C-alpha atoms as a PDB file:
ATOM      1  CA  MET A   1     109.081 110.056  91.894  1.00  0.00           C
ATOM      2  CA  ASP A   2     105.710 109.113  92.748  1.00  0.00           C
ATOM      3  CA  SER A   3     103.468 110.917  94.869  1.00  0.00           C
ATOM      4  CA  LEU A   4     103.813 109.377  98.107  1.00  0.00           C
ATOM      5  CA  THR A   5     107.306 109.815  98.191  1.00  0.00           C
ATOM      6  CA  GLN A   6     107.515 113.330  97.175  1.00  0.00           C
ATOM      7  CA  ALA A   7     105.027 113.671  99.904  1.00  0.00           C
ATOM      8  CA  SER A   8     106.848 111.996 102.722  1.00  0.00           C
ATOM      9  CA  LEU A   9     110.079 113.598 101.762  1.00  0.00           C
ATOM     10  CA  GLY A  10     108.459 117.276 101.832  1.00  0.00           C
ATOM     11  CA  ALA A  11     106.928 116.314 104.998  1.00  0.00           C
ATOM     12  CA  ALA A  12     110.024 114.757 106.801  1.00  0.00           C
ATOM     13  CA  LEU A  13     112.048 118.136 105.750  1.00  0.00           C
ATOM     14  CA  GLY A  14     109.509 120.394 107.228  1.00  0.00           C
ATOM     15  CA  VAL A  15     109.828 118.565 110.492  1.00  0.00           C
ATOM     16  CA  ALA A  16     113.233 117.961 110.583  1.00  0.00           C
ATOM     17  CA  VAL A  17     113.689 122.098 109.605  1.00  0.00           C
ATOM     18  CA  MET A  18     111.304 123.335 111.450  1.00  0.00           C
ATOM     19  CA  GLY A  19     112.325 121.204 114.655  1.00  0.00           C
ATOM     20  CA  ARG A  20     110.250 122.252 117.911  1.00  0.00           C
ATOM     21  CA  ARG A  21     109.177 125.660 116.336  1.00  0.00           C
ATOM     22  CA  THR A  22     105.947 124.508 115.528  1.00  0.00           C
ATOM     23  CA  ALA A  23     103.951 121.959 116.169  1.00  0.00           C
ATOM     24  CA  PRO A  24     105.503 118.766 114.536  1.00  0.00           C
ATOM     25  CA  TRP A  25     101.682 117.876 112.055  1.00  0.00           C
ATOM     26  CA  LYS A  26     101.555 121.337 110.827  1.00  0.00           C
ATOM     27  CA  ALA A  27     104.871 121.206 109.411  1.00  0.00           C
ATOM     28  CA  ALA A  28     104.174 117.760 107.932  1.00  0.00           C
ATOM     29  CA  LEU A  29     101.301 119.145 106.059  1.00  0.00           C
ATOM     30  CA  TRP A  30     102.892 121.999 104.835  1.00  0.00           C
ATOM     31  CA  GLY A  31     106.384 120.135 104.075  1.00  0.00           C
ATOM     32  CA  ALA A  32     103.479 117.279 102.061  1.00  0.00           C
ATOM     33  CA  ALA A  33     101.531 119.672  99.948  1.00  0.00           C
ATOM     34  CA  MET A  34     104.659 121.673  99.241  1.00  0.00           C
ATOM     35  CA  GLY A  35     106.298 118.350  98.429  1.00  0.00           C
ATOM     36  CA  SER A  36     103.312 117.655  95.803  1.00  0.00           C
ATOM     37  CA  LEU A  37     102.975 121.129  94.393  1.00  0.00           C
ATOM     38  CA  PRO A  38     105.535 121.393  91.636  1.00  0.00           C
ATOM     39  CA  ASP A  39     103.630 117.905  89.913  1.00  0.00           C
ATOM     40  CA  LEU A  40     100.761 120.080  89.505  1.00  0.00           C
ATOM     41  CA  ASP A  41     101.649 121.200  86.273  1.00  0.00           C
ATOM     42  CA  VAL A  42     100.581 117.813  85.034  1.00  0.00           C
ATOM     43  CA  VAL A  43      96.642 119.740  85.001  1.00  0.00           C
ATOM     44  CA  PHE A  44      98.175 122.226  82.414  1.00  0.00           C
ATOM     45  CA  ASP A  45      97.238 121.252  78.096  1.00  0.00           C
ATOM     46  CA  PHE A  46     100.104 122.310  76.145  1.00  0.00           C
ATOM     47  CA  GLY A  47      98.142 121.668  72.805  1.00  0.00           C
ATOM     48  CA  ASP A  48      99.181 117.833  71.998  1.00  0.00           C
ATOM     49  CA  PRO A  49     100.477 114.353  74.241  1.00  0.00           C
ATOM     50  CA  ILE A  50     103.741 114.708  73.445  1.00  0.00           C
ATOM     51  CA  ARG A  51     104.177 118.720  74.166  1.00  0.00           C
ATOM     52  CA  ASN A  52     102.437 117.864  77.771  1.00  0.00           C
ATOM     53  CA  MET A  53     105.060 114.969  78.191  1.00  0.00           C
ATOM     54  CA  THR A  54     107.988 117.602  77.432  1.00  0.00           C
ATOM     55  CA  GLU A  55     106.417 120.161  79.466  1.00  0.00           C
ATOM     56  CA  HIS A  56     106.196 118.454  82.513  1.00  0.00           C
ATOM     57  CA  ARG A  57     108.552 118.971  85.104  1.00  0.00           C
ATOM     58  CA  ALA A  58     109.427 122.400  83.742  1.00  0.00           C
ATOM     59  CA  GLU A  59     109.212 125.895  85.629  1.00  0.00           C
ATOM     60  CA  SER A  60     107.509 124.118  88.225  1.00  0.00           C
ATOM     61  CA  HIS A  61     110.696 122.120  88.934  1.00  0.00           C
ATOM     62  CA  ALA A  62     113.072 124.936  87.830  1.00  0.00           C
ATOM     63  CA  LEU A  63     115.460 125.505  90.839  1.00  0.00           C
ATOM     64  CA  PHE A  64     115.654 129.391  90.013  1.00  0.00           C
ATOM     65  CA  TYR A  65     111.678 129.702  89.775  1.00  0.00           C
ATOM     66  CA  GLN A  66     111.222 127.939  93.305  1.00  0.00           C
ATOM     67  CA  LEU A  67     114.116 130.105  94.794  1.00  0.00           C
ATOM     68  CA  LEU A  68     111.376 132.606  93.834  1.00  0.00           C
ATOM     69  CA  ALA A  69     108.604 131.367  94.739  1.00  0.00           C
ATOM     70  CA  ALA A  70     109.688 130.426  98.235  1.00  0.00           C
ATOM     71  CA  PRO A  71     108.984 133.580 100.210  1.00  0.00           C
ATOM     72  CA  LEU A  72     105.577 133.594  98.744  1.00  0.00           C
ATOM     73  CA  LEU A  73     104.236 130.393  99.584  1.00  0.00           C
ATOM     74  CA  THR A  74     105.616 130.918 103.051  1.00  0.00           C
ATOM     75  CA  LEU A  75     102.771 133.597 103.275  1.00  0.00           C
ATOM     76  CA  LEU A  76     100.382 131.074 103.186  1.00  0.00           C
ATOM     77  CA  VAL A  77     101.412 129.571 106.816  1.00  0.00           C
ATOM     78  CA  ALA A  78     103.499 132.392 108.138  1.00  0.00           C
ATOM     79  CA  ARG A  79     103.844 136.365 108.456  1.00  0.00           C
ATOM     80  CA  PRO A  80     106.719 138.219 108.203  1.00  0.00           C
ATOM     81  CA  ARG A  81     105.503 140.707 111.025  1.00  0.00           C
ATOM     82  CA  SER A  82     104.354 137.803 113.446  1.00  0.00           C
ATOM     83  CA  SER A  83     108.118 136.717 114.188  1.00  0.00           C
ATOM     84  CA  VAL A  84     110.822 137.415 111.064  1.00  0.00           C
ATOM     85  CA  ASN A  85     112.890 134.436 112.271  1.00  0.00           C
ATOM     86  CA  ASN A  86     110.181 132.245 112.295  1.00  0.00           C
ATOM     87  CA  TYR A  87     109.069 133.458 108.661  1.00  0.00           C
ATOM     88  CA  TRP A  88     112.294 133.247 107.215  1.00  0.00           C
ATOM     89  CA  ARG A  89     112.477 129.544 108.800  1.00  0.00           C
ATOM     90  CA  TRP A  90     109.188 128.788 107.339  1.00  0.00           C
ATOM     91  CA  THR A  91     110.965 130.066 103.838  1.00  0.00           C
ATOM     92  CA  LEU A  92     113.918 127.700 104.251  1.00  0.00           C
ATOM     93  CA  ALA A  93     111.719 125.003 105.012  1.00  0.00           C
ATOM     94  CA  THR A  94     109.585 125.762 102.043  1.00  0.00           C
ATOM     95  CA  ALA A  95     112.391 126.590  99.619  1.00  0.00           C
ATOM     96  CA  LEU A  96     114.258 122.938 100.594  1.00  0.00           C
ATOM     97  CA  VAL A  97     111.343 121.070 100.070  1.00  0.00           C
ATOM     98  CA  LEU A  98     110.656 122.575  96.858  1.00  0.00           C
ATOM     99  CA  PHE A  99     114.588 121.911  95.836  1.00  0.00           C
ATOM    100  CA  THR A 100     114.324 118.531  96.560  1.00  0.00           C
ATOM    101  CA  HIS A 101     111.272 117.152  94.906  1.00  0.00           C
ATOM    102  CA  ALA A 102     113.218 118.819  91.862  1.00  0.00           C
ATOM    103  CA  LEU A 103     116.441 117.014  92.416  1.00  0.00           C
ATOM    104  CA  LEU A 104     114.913 114.116  93.186  1.00  0.00           C
ATOM    105  CA  ASP A 105     112.819 114.367  89.922  1.00  0.00           C
ATOM    106  CA  GLY A 106     116.248 114.557  88.286  1.00  0.00           C
ATOM    107  CA  MET A 107     117.617 111.118  89.618  1.00  0.00           C
ATOM    108  CA  THR A 108     115.037 109.573  87.705  1.00  0.00           C
ATOM    109  CA  VAL A 109     115.420 108.785  84.030  1.00  0.00           C
ATOM    110  CA  TYR A 110     112.440 111.251  82.856  1.00  0.00           C
ATOM    111  CA  GLY A 111     113.898 114.287  82.626  1.00  0.00           C
ATOM    112  CA  THR A 112     113.433 117.451  84.510  1.00  0.00           C
ATOM    113  CA  GLN A 113     114.389 120.736  83.779  1.00  0.00           C
ATOM    114  CA  LEU A 114     116.030 122.319  86.718  1.00  0.00           C
ATOM    115  CA  TRP A 115     118.141 125.246  85.091  1.00  0.00           C
ATOM    116  CA  LEU A 116     115.416 127.018  83.401  1.00  0.00           C
ATOM    117  CA  PRO A 117     115.207 130.053  82.394  1.00  0.00           C
ATOM    118  CA  PHE A 118     118.940 130.174  81.602  1.00  0.00           C
ATOM    119  CA  TYR A 119     119.192 126.280  80.408  1.00  0.00           C
ATOM    120  CA  LYS A 120     116.283 124.397  78.750  1.00  0.00           C
ATOM    121  CA  GLU A 121     118.047 120.936  78.619  1.00  0.00           C
ATOM    122  CA  ALA A 122     116.559 118.400  81.026  1.00  0.00           C
ATOM    123  CA  VAL A 123     118.330 116.626  83.862  1.00  0.00           C
ATOM    124  CA  GLY A 124     117.753 112.752  84.037  1.00  0.00           C
ATOM    125  CA  LEU A 125     120.434 111.127  85.572  1.00  0.00           C
ATOM    126  CA  GLY A 126     118.611 107.638  85.807  1.00  0.00           C
ATOM    127  CA  SER A 127     119.611 106.148  88.419  1.00  0.00           C
ATOM    128  CA  LEU A 128     116.227 105.507  90.456  1.00  0.00           C
ATOM    129  CA  PHE A 129     113.336 104.011  89.257  1.00  0.00           C
ATOM    130  CA  ILE A 130     110.562 105.904  90.001  1.00  0.00           C
ATOM    131  CA  ILE A 131     109.025 104.146  92.946  1.00  0.00           C
ATOM    132  CA  ASP A 132     111.516 102.584  94.862  1.00  0.00           C
ATOM    133  CA  PRO A 133     110.311 101.344  98.680  1.00  0.00           C
ATOM    134  CA  LEU A 134     113.628 101.040  99.588  1.00  0.00           C
ATOM    135  CA  TYR A 135     113.928 105.400  99.274  1.00  0.00           C
ATOM    136  CA  THR A 136     110.584 105.765 100.434  1.00  0.00           C
ATOM    137  CA  VAL A 137     110.241 103.729 103.600  1.00  0.00           C
ATOM    138  CA  PRO A 138     112.751 105.072 105.533  1.00  0.00           C
ATOM    139  CA  LEU A 139     111.450 107.942 105.353  1.00  0.00           C
ATOM    140  CA  LEU A 140     107.988 107.130 106.197  1.00  0.00           C
ATOM    141  CA  LEU A 141     109.395 105.263 109.192  1.00  0.00           C
ATOM    142  CA  GLY A 142     111.376 108.350 110.591  1.00  0.00           C
ATOM    143  CA  LEU A 143     107.880 110.611 109.870  1.00  0.00           C
ATOM    144  CA  ALA A 144     105.922 108.268 111.970  1.00  0.00           C
ATOM    145  CA  ALA A 145     108.771 108.212 114.455  1.00  0.00           C
ATOM    146  CA  ALA A 146     108.743 112.128 115.006  1.00  0.00           C
ATOM    147  CA  LEU A 147     104.882 112.792 114.570  1.00  0.00           C
ATOM    148  CA  PHE A 148     103.966 110.116 117.110  1.00  0.00           C
ATOM    149  CA  ALA A 149     106.645 110.182 119.580  1.00  0.00           C
ATOM    150  CA  ARG A 150     105.477 112.178 122.922  1.00  0.00           C
ATOM    151  CA  GLY A 151     107.197 113.991 125.728  1.00  0.00           C
ATOM    152  CA  ARG A 152     110.981 112.704 126.498  1.00  0.00           C
ATOM    153  CA  TRP A 153     110.891 110.707 123.589  1.00  0.00           C
ATOM    154  CA  ALA A 154     109.830 113.888 121.001  1.00  0.00           C
ATOM    155  CA  PHE A 155     113.593 114.644 121.046  1.00  0.00           C
ATOM    156  CA  ARG A 156     114.440 110.811 119.845  1.00  0.00           C
ATOM    157  CA  GLY A 157     111.919 110.739 117.039  1.00  0.00           C
ATOM    158  CA  LEU A 158     113.083 114.172 115.939  1.00  0.00           C
ATOM    159  CA  GLN A 159     116.839 112.329 115.831  1.00  0.00           C
ATOM    160  CA  THR A 160     115.299 109.390 113.987  1.00  0.00           C
ATOM    161  CA  LEU A 161     113.602 111.428 111.391  1.00  0.00           C
ATOM    162  CA  LYS A 162     116.884 112.781 110.682  1.00  0.00           C
ATOM    163  CA  LEU A 163     118.494 109.720 110.551  1.00  0.00           C
ATOM    164  CA  SER A 164     115.971 108.633 108.075  1.00  0.00           C
ATOM    165  CA  LEU A 165     116.476 111.245 105.963  1.00  0.00           C
ATOM    166  CA  MET A 166     120.524 110.728 106.065  1.00  0.00           C
ATOM    167  CA  ILE A 167     119.550 106.824 105.370  1.00  0.00           C
ATOM    168  CA  SER A 168     117.575 107.568 102.105  1.00  0.00           C
ATOM    169  CA  SER A 169     120.058 110.244 100.813  1.00  0.00           C
ATOM    170  CA  LEU A 170     123.121 107.771 101.065  1.00  0.00           C
ATOM    171  CA  TYR A 171     120.815 105.176  99.508  1.00  0.00           C
ATOM    172  CA  LEU A 172     120.935 108.163  96.752  1.00  0.00           C
ATOM    173  CA  ALA A 173     124.311 108.311  96.433  1.00  0.00           C
ATOM    174  CA  TRP A 174     124.439 104.300  96.284  1.00  0.00           C
ATOM    175  CA  SER A 175     122.092 104.374  93.247  1.00  0.00           C
ATOM    176  CA  VAL A 176     124.685 106.526  91.588  1.00  0.00           C
ATOM    177  CA  ALA A 177     127.522 104.639  91.869  1.00  0.00           C
ATOM    178  CA  ALA A 178     125.880 101.254  90.699  1.00  0.00           C
ATOM    179  CA  GLN A 179     124.879 102.816  87.795  1.00  0.00           C
ATOM    180  CA  HIS A 180     128.398 103.939  86.640  1.00  0.00           C
ATOM    181  CA  TRP A 181     129.759 100.602  88.206  1.00  0.00           C
ATOM    182  CA  VAL A 182     127.035  98.902  85.547  1.00  0.00           C
ATOM    183  CA  GLU A 183     128.173 100.959  82.712  1.00  0.00           C
ATOM    184  CA  ARG A 184     131.891 100.574  82.908  1.00  0.00           C
ATOM    185  CA  ILE A 185     130.734  96.756  82.716  1.00  0.00           C
ATOM    186  CA  VAL A 186     128.611  96.878  80.136  1.00  0.00           C
ATOM    187  CA  GLN A 187     130.654  99.489  77.830  1.00  0.00           C
ATOM    188  CA  THR A 188     133.519  96.867  76.943  1.00  0.00           C
ATOM    189  CA  LYS A 189     130.156  94.267  76.124  1.00  0.00           C
ATOM    190  CA  LEU A 190     127.931  96.723  73.649  1.00  0.00           C
ATOM    191  CA  PRO A 191     126.325  94.701  70.937  1.00  0.00           C
ATOM    192  CA  GLU A 192     127.744  97.908  68.517  1.00  0.00           C
ATOM    193  CA  PRO A 193     131.204  99.526  69.455  1.00  0.00           C
ATOM    194  CA  GLN A 194     129.505 103.032  68.929  1.00  0.00           C
ATOM    195  CA  ALA A 195     126.126 102.408  69.971  1.00  0.00           C
ATOM    196  CA  ALA A 196     124.613 104.887  72.712  1.00  0.00           C
ATOM    197  CA  LEU A 197     124.230 103.134  76.082  1.00  0.00           C
ATOM    198  CA  LEU A 198     121.883 103.775  78.681  1.00  0.00           C
ATOM    199  CA  VAL A 199     121.596 102.198  82.221  1.00  0.00           C
ATOM    200  CA  THR A 200     118.443 102.232  84.349  1.00  0.00           C
ATOM    201  CA  PRO A 201     117.180 100.331  87.304  1.00  0.00           C
ATOM    202  CA  SER A 202     113.859  97.919  87.052  1.00  0.00           C
ATOM    203  CA  ALA A 203     111.207  98.295  88.852  1.00  0.00           C
ATOM    204  CA  PHE A 204     111.817  99.047  92.653  1.00  0.00           C
ATOM    205  CA  ASN A 205     115.366  98.073  93.223  1.00  0.00           C
ATOM    206  CA  THR A 206     118.861  99.168  92.189  1.00  0.00           C
ATOM    207  CA  LEU A 207     120.144  95.615  91.464  1.00  0.00           C
ATOM    208  CA  LEU A 208     118.675  94.620  88.412  1.00  0.00           C
ATOM    209  CA  TRP A 209     119.423  97.072  85.598  1.00  0.00           C
ATOM    210  CA  ARG A 210     118.295  97.552  82.718  1.00  0.00           C
ATOM    211  CA  LEU A 211     120.284  98.449  79.508  1.00  0.00           C
ATOM    212  CA  VAL A 212     119.437 100.126  76.340  1.00  0.00           C
ATOM    213  CA  ALA A 213     121.831 100.532  73.280  1.00  0.00           C
ATOM    214  CA  VAL A 214     121.176 102.498  70.495  1.00  0.00           C
ATOM    215  CA  SER A 215     122.684 102.874  66.869  1.00  0.00           C
ATOM    216  CA  ASP A 216     121.013 104.133  63.848  1.00  0.00           C
ATOM    217  CA  THR A 217     120.001 100.913  62.465  1.00  0.00           C
ATOM    218  CA  HIS A 218     119.064  98.819  65.813  1.00  0.00           C
ATOM    219  CA  TYR A 219     118.756  99.312  69.298  1.00  0.00           C
ATOM    220  CA  TYR A 220     118.912  96.868  71.886  1.00  0.00           C
ATOM    221  CA  GLU A 221     117.320  95.707  75.263  1.00  0.00           C
ATOM    222  CA  GLY A 222     119.704  93.514  77.796  1.00  0.00           C
ATOM    223  CA  TRP A 223     119.712  93.216  81.941  1.00  0.00           C
ATOM    224  CA  TYR A 224     122.658  93.198  84.412  1.00  0.00           C
ATOM    225  CA  SER A 225     121.919  92.239  87.934  1.00  0.00           C
ATOM    226  CA  LEU A 226     124.287  93.109  90.486  1.00  0.00           C
ATOM    227  CA  VAL A 227     123.938  89.776  92.948  1.00  0.00           C
ATOM    228  CA  ALA A 228     123.627  87.344  90.087  1.00  0.00           C
ATOM    229  CA  ASN A 229     126.316  85.367  88.332  1.00  0.00           C
ATOM    230  CA  GLU A 230     126.267  86.856  85.397  1.00  0.00           C
ATOM    231  CA  PRO A 231     127.593  85.077  81.776  1.00  0.00           C
ATOM    232  CA  GLN A 232     130.545  86.972  79.897  1.00  0.00           C
ATOM    233  CA  ALA A 233     128.219  87.900  77.212  1.00  0.00           C
ATOM    234  CA  ILE A 234     125.049  89.873  77.649  1.00  0.00           C
ATOM    235  CA  ARG A 235     122.007  88.427  75.948  1.00  0.00           C
ATOM    236  CA  TRP A 236     120.855  91.423  73.860  1.00  0.00           C
ATOM    237  CA  ARG A 237     117.502  91.880  71.953  1.00  0.00           C
ATOM    238  CA  ALA A 238     118.039  93.147  68.788  1.00  0.00           C
ATOM    239  CA  VAL A 239     115.137  95.700  67.351  1.00  0.00           C
ATOM    240  CA  PRO A 240     115.581  97.386  63.911  1.00  0.00           C
ATOM    241  CA  ARG A 241     115.384 101.071  63.335  1.00  0.00           C
ATOM    242  CA  ASP A 242     114.010 102.775  60.410  1.00  0.00           C
ATOM    243  CA  ALA A 243     116.821 105.658  59.793  1.00  0.00           C
ATOM    244  CA  LYS A 244     115.407 106.284  56.463  1.00  0.00           C
ATOM    245  CA  LEU A 245     111.944 106.886  57.884  1.00  0.00           C
ATOM    246  CA  TYR A 246     113.821 109.477  60.825  1.00  0.00           C
ATOM    247  CA  ASN A 247     115.691 111.233  57.984  1.00  0.00           C
ATOM    248  CA  GLU A 248     112.742 112.070  55.833  1.00  0.00           C
ATOM    249  CA  LEU A 249     110.406 113.379  59.532  1.00  0.00           C
ATOM    250  CA  LYS A 250     113.414 114.700  61.590  1.00  0.00           C
ATOM    251  CA  GLY A 251     111.993 118.219  60.781  1.00  0.00           C
ATOM    252  CA  HIS A 252     108.707 117.280  61.969  1.00  0.00           C
ATOM    253  CA  PRO A 253     108.043 119.417  64.991  1.00  0.00           C
ATOM    254  CA  SER A 254     106.668 116.693  67.231  1.00  0.00           C
ATOM    255  CA  VAL A 255     109.409 114.110  66.295  1.00  0.00           C
ATOM    256  CA  ALA A 256     112.106 116.886  66.705  1.00  0.00           C
ATOM    257  CA  ARG A 257     110.766 117.151  69.931  1.00  0.00           C
ATOM    258  CA  LEU A 258     110.571 113.777  71.456  1.00  0.00           C
ATOM    259  CA  ALA A 259     114.204 112.977  69.770  1.00  0.00           C
ATOM    260  CA  ARG A 260     115.669 115.758  71.652  1.00  0.00           C
ATOM    261  CA  PHE A 261     114.069 114.907  74.849  1.00  0.00           C
ATOM    262  CA  SER A 262     114.837 111.048  74.712  1.00  0.00           C
ATOM    263  CA  ASP A 263     118.105 111.945  74.399  1.00  0.00           C
ATOM    264  CA  GLY A 264     118.016 109.960  71.317  1.00  0.00           C
ATOM    265  CA  PHE A 265     116.658 106.808  73.101  1.00  0.00           C
ATOM    266  CA  PHE A 266     113.503 106.099  70.434  1.00  0.00           C
ATOM    267  CA  GLN A 267     111.993 104.308  67.963  1.00  0.00           C
ATOM    268  CA  LEU A 268     109.739 105.582  65.277  1.00  0.00           C
ATOM    269  CA  GLU A 269     108.153 103.385  63.017  1.00  0.00           C
ATOM    270  CA  ARG A 270     105.592 102.790  60.141  1.00  0.00           C
ATOM    271  CA  ILE A 271     102.908 100.471  60.834  1.00  0.00           C
ATOM    272  CA  ASP A 272     100.644 100.273  57.958  1.00  0.00           C
ATOM    273  CA  ASN A 273     100.454 103.910  57.019  1.00  0.00           C
ATOM    274  CA  THR A 274     100.844 105.390  60.671  1.00  0.00           C
ATOM    275  CA  VAL A 275     104.067 106.258  62.306  1.00  0.00           C
ATOM    276  CA  VAL A 276     104.562 105.475  65.502  1.00  0.00           C
ATOM    277  CA  MET A 277     106.964 106.801  67.670  1.00  0.00           C
ATOM    278  CA  THR A 278     108.192 105.268  71.252  1.00  0.00           C
ATOM    279  CA  ASP A 279     110.604 106.709  74.240  1.00  0.00           C
ATOM    280  CA  LEU A 280     112.615 103.868  74.689  1.00  0.00           C
ATOM    281  CA  ARG A 281     113.867 104.819  78.205  1.00  0.00           C
ATOM    282  CA  MET A 282     110.421 104.236  80.349  1.00  0.00           C
ATOM    283  CA  GLY A 283     109.428 100.918  80.497  1.00  0.00           C
ATOM    284  CA  GLN A 284     110.426  97.512  78.603  1.00  0.00           C
ATOM    285  CA  GLU A 285     110.542  95.743  75.318  1.00  0.00           C
ATOM    286  CA  PRO A 286     107.646  95.914  74.176  1.00  0.00           C
ATOM    287  CA  ALA A 287     105.861  97.469  76.910  1.00  0.00           C
ATOM    288  CA  TYR A 288     106.224 101.393  77.009  1.00  0.00           C
ATOM    289  CA  VAL A 289     105.057 104.210  78.754  1.00  0.00           C
ATOM    290  CA  PHE A 290     105.284 106.817  76.259  1.00  0.00           C
ATOM    291  CA  ARG A 291     104.134 105.349  72.724  1.00  0.00           C
ATOM    292  CA  PHE A 292     102.598 108.165  70.304  1.00  0.00           C
ATOM    293  CA  LYS A 293     101.015 108.043  66.928  1.00  0.00           C
ATOM    294  CA  ILE A 294     102.216 110.811  65.240  1.00  0.00           C
ATOM    295  CA  GLY A 295      99.838 111.036  62.387  1.00  0.00           C
ATOM    296  CA  SER A 296      99.117 109.213  58.959  1.00  0.00           C
ATOM    297  CA  LEU A 297     101.582 109.610  55.745  1.00  0.00           C
ATOM    298  CA  GLY A 298      99.672 111.412  53.123  1.00  0.00           C
ATOM    299  CA  PRO A 299     100.560 110.951  49.386  1.00  0.00           C
ATOM    300  CA  GLY A 300     103.587 113.418  49.674  1.00  0.00           C
ATOM    301  CA  GLY A 301     105.249 111.873  52.903  1.00  0.00           C
ATOM    302  CA  GLU A 302     104.018 114.218  54.853  1.00  0.00           C
ATOM    303  CA  LEU A 303     102.320 113.891  57.897  1.00  0.00           C
ATOM    304  CA  MET A 304      98.890 114.147  58.582  1.00  0.00           C
ATOM    305  CA  GLY A 305      96.475 114.029  61.918  1.00  0.00           C
ATOM    306  CA  PRO A 306      96.627 114.669  65.462  1.00  0.00           C
ATOM    307  CA  VAL A 307      99.279 113.274  67.612  1.00  0.00           C
ATOM    308  CA  GLU A 308      97.683 110.600  69.853  1.00  0.00           C
ATOM    309  CA  LYS A 309      99.384 108.585  72.921  1.00  0.00           C
ATOM    310  CA  THR A 310      98.847 105.333  72.670  1.00  0.00           C
ATOM    311  CA  PRO A 311      97.372 102.372  75.072  1.00  0.00           C
ATOM    312  CA  VAL A 312     100.372 100.691  77.078  1.00  0.00           C
ATOM    313  CA  THR A 313     100.053  96.969  77.039  1.00  0.00           C
ATOM    314  CA  ARG A 314     102.338  95.325  79.518  1.00  0.00           C
ATOM    315  CA  PRO A 315     101.904  91.555  81.158  1.00  0.00           C
ATOM    316  CA  PRO A 316     100.113  90.964  84.248  1.00  0.00           C
ATOM    317  CA  LEU A 317     101.923  92.144  87.232  1.00  0.00           C
ATOM    318  CA  ARG A 318     101.924  88.785  89.145  1.00  0.00           C
ATOM    319  CA  GLN A 319     103.667  87.319  85.768  1.00  0.00           C
ATOM    320  CA  GLY A 320     106.321  90.586  85.448  1.00  0.00           C
ATOM    321  CA  LEU A 321     107.338  90.558  89.207  1.00  0.00           C
ATOM    322  CA  ALA A 322     107.571  86.946  89.199  1.00  0.00           C
ATOM    323  CA  TRP A 323     110.499  87.231  86.287  1.00  0.00           C
ATOM    324  CA  LEU A 324     112.050  90.301  88.163  1.00  0.00           C
ATOM    325  CA  TRP A 325     112.615  88.320  91.061  1.00  0.00           C
ATOM    326  CA  GLN A 326     114.153  85.441  88.888  1.00  0.00           C
ATOM    327  CA  ARG A 327     116.005  87.677  86.865  1.00  0.00           C
ATOM    328  CA  LEU A 328     117.236  89.666  89.983  1.00  0.00           C
ATOM    329  CA  ARG A 329     118.746  86.384  91.239  1.00  0.00           C
ATOM    330  CA  GLY A 330     119.987  85.246  88.118  1.00  0.00           C
ATOM    331  CA  GLU A 331     117.726  81.739  87.536  1.00  0.00           C
ATOM    332  CA  THR A 332     116.792  82.918  84.260  1.00  0.00           C
ATOM    333  CA  VAL A 333     118.991  85.105  81.245  1.00  0.00           C
ATOM    334  CA  LEU A 334     115.496  85.494  79.448  1.00  0.00           C
ATOM    335  CA  ASP A 335     114.043  89.098  79.094  1.00  0.00           C
ATOM    336  CA  LEU A 336     110.809  89.413  80.029  1.00  0.00           C
ATOM    337  CA  MET A 337     108.491  88.502  76.759  1.00  0.00           C
ATOM    338  CA  ASP A 338     110.633  84.838  76.195  1.00  0.00           C
ATOM    339  CA  TRP A 339     109.998  84.421  79.882  1.00  0.00           C
ATOM    340  CA  ILE A 340     106.438  84.901  79.387  1.00  0.00           C
ATOM    341  CA  ALA A 341     106.756  82.563  76.119  1.00  0.00           C
ATOM    342  CA  THR A 342     108.773  79.639  77.654  1.00  0.00           C
ATOM    343  CA  THR A 343     106.421  80.117  81.243  1.00  0.00           C
ATOM    344  CA  SER A 344     103.303  80.423  79.821  1.00  0.00           C
ATOM    345  CA  HIS A 345     100.360  77.884  80.345  1.00  0.00           C
ATOM    346  CA  ALA A 346      96.972  78.179  80.767  1.00  0.00           C
ATOM    347  CA  GLY A 347      95.300  81.505  81.963  1.00  0.00           C
ATOM    348  CA  GLN A 348      98.652  82.995  81.595  1.00  0.00           C
ATOM    349  CA  GLY A 349     101.067  84.621  79.162  1.00  0.00           C
ATOM    350  CA  THR A 350      97.820  87.076  77.847  1.00  0.00           C
ATOM    351  CA  ARG A 351      99.086  90.878  77.841  1.00  0.00           C
ATOM    352  CA  THR A 352      96.764  93.226  79.325  1.00  0.00           C
ATOM    353  CA  THR A 353      95.837  96.465  77.839  1.00  0.00           C
ATOM    354  CA  TYR A 354      95.383  99.714  80.312  1.00  0.00           C
END
């Protein structure tokens, strides 16, 4: 999840667990710091962009290591000799903040290696978008109530905070239920019967869902809204996959690593003499967050050159949000590419590279 959400969740849990045992601002600052700590693994360079991607959310997000680290981190804010009960209360708060950071990340599609060192496969449930105001805003409101309430209102402020944590947790449960509901519907409407299916929410909500189906020869993108009157047949956009190229290169370390990390939802293509690999889980056609130039093909078909991350090309934000609103409400069945092509006029329809 985004940094604001993780810090807000950490601060809210810190205040809720510590209650009146310490100043709310102290518990909030500590919780926010611990809620942000696991993501500092992004400062490490593991050798190339694909390794940096796949090693993010690894040891720092593993529940076992977090359990070991919590009592040690607590020494920064409390000393066992001062009050044993107080120290272990701070340890409980620290552990819960670290655990919930990792578990919340596991709700997104990226992949979080929760079970290291016993099991390396990443958990990526994919029921929550990386930024979702409907999850974050209740936390911020509850935290504000707890921090700014004074006197006889302090108790109610703390209760409001706990209520906000309950509401945000119920929203997570809703996201899982909605995802499974859409999966059940779409499984009967796949473009190829044996295609693997991925269902993830579109940006900032859990009402419009992005669908990705992958076979050996194609991948398909579609959309399904829970609040629109969707047609019986899903409108799939089909993009060819080069199965022969993958079979030739699947032993290459970078190709194998990204294929495994993406759970098979990837595109491998040859553009001129360059091999490009894309994680299809994050972004939407044709704008993907993780797209890499693996190298250039040599005379013998071998890959040469360093791995490089390619720039993200995406439509202007205003157009993206306008399409999102229309597709959510069922006012268009077009995907973003076709919608922009249909509605573009002077000054619109251009893509911006970041």
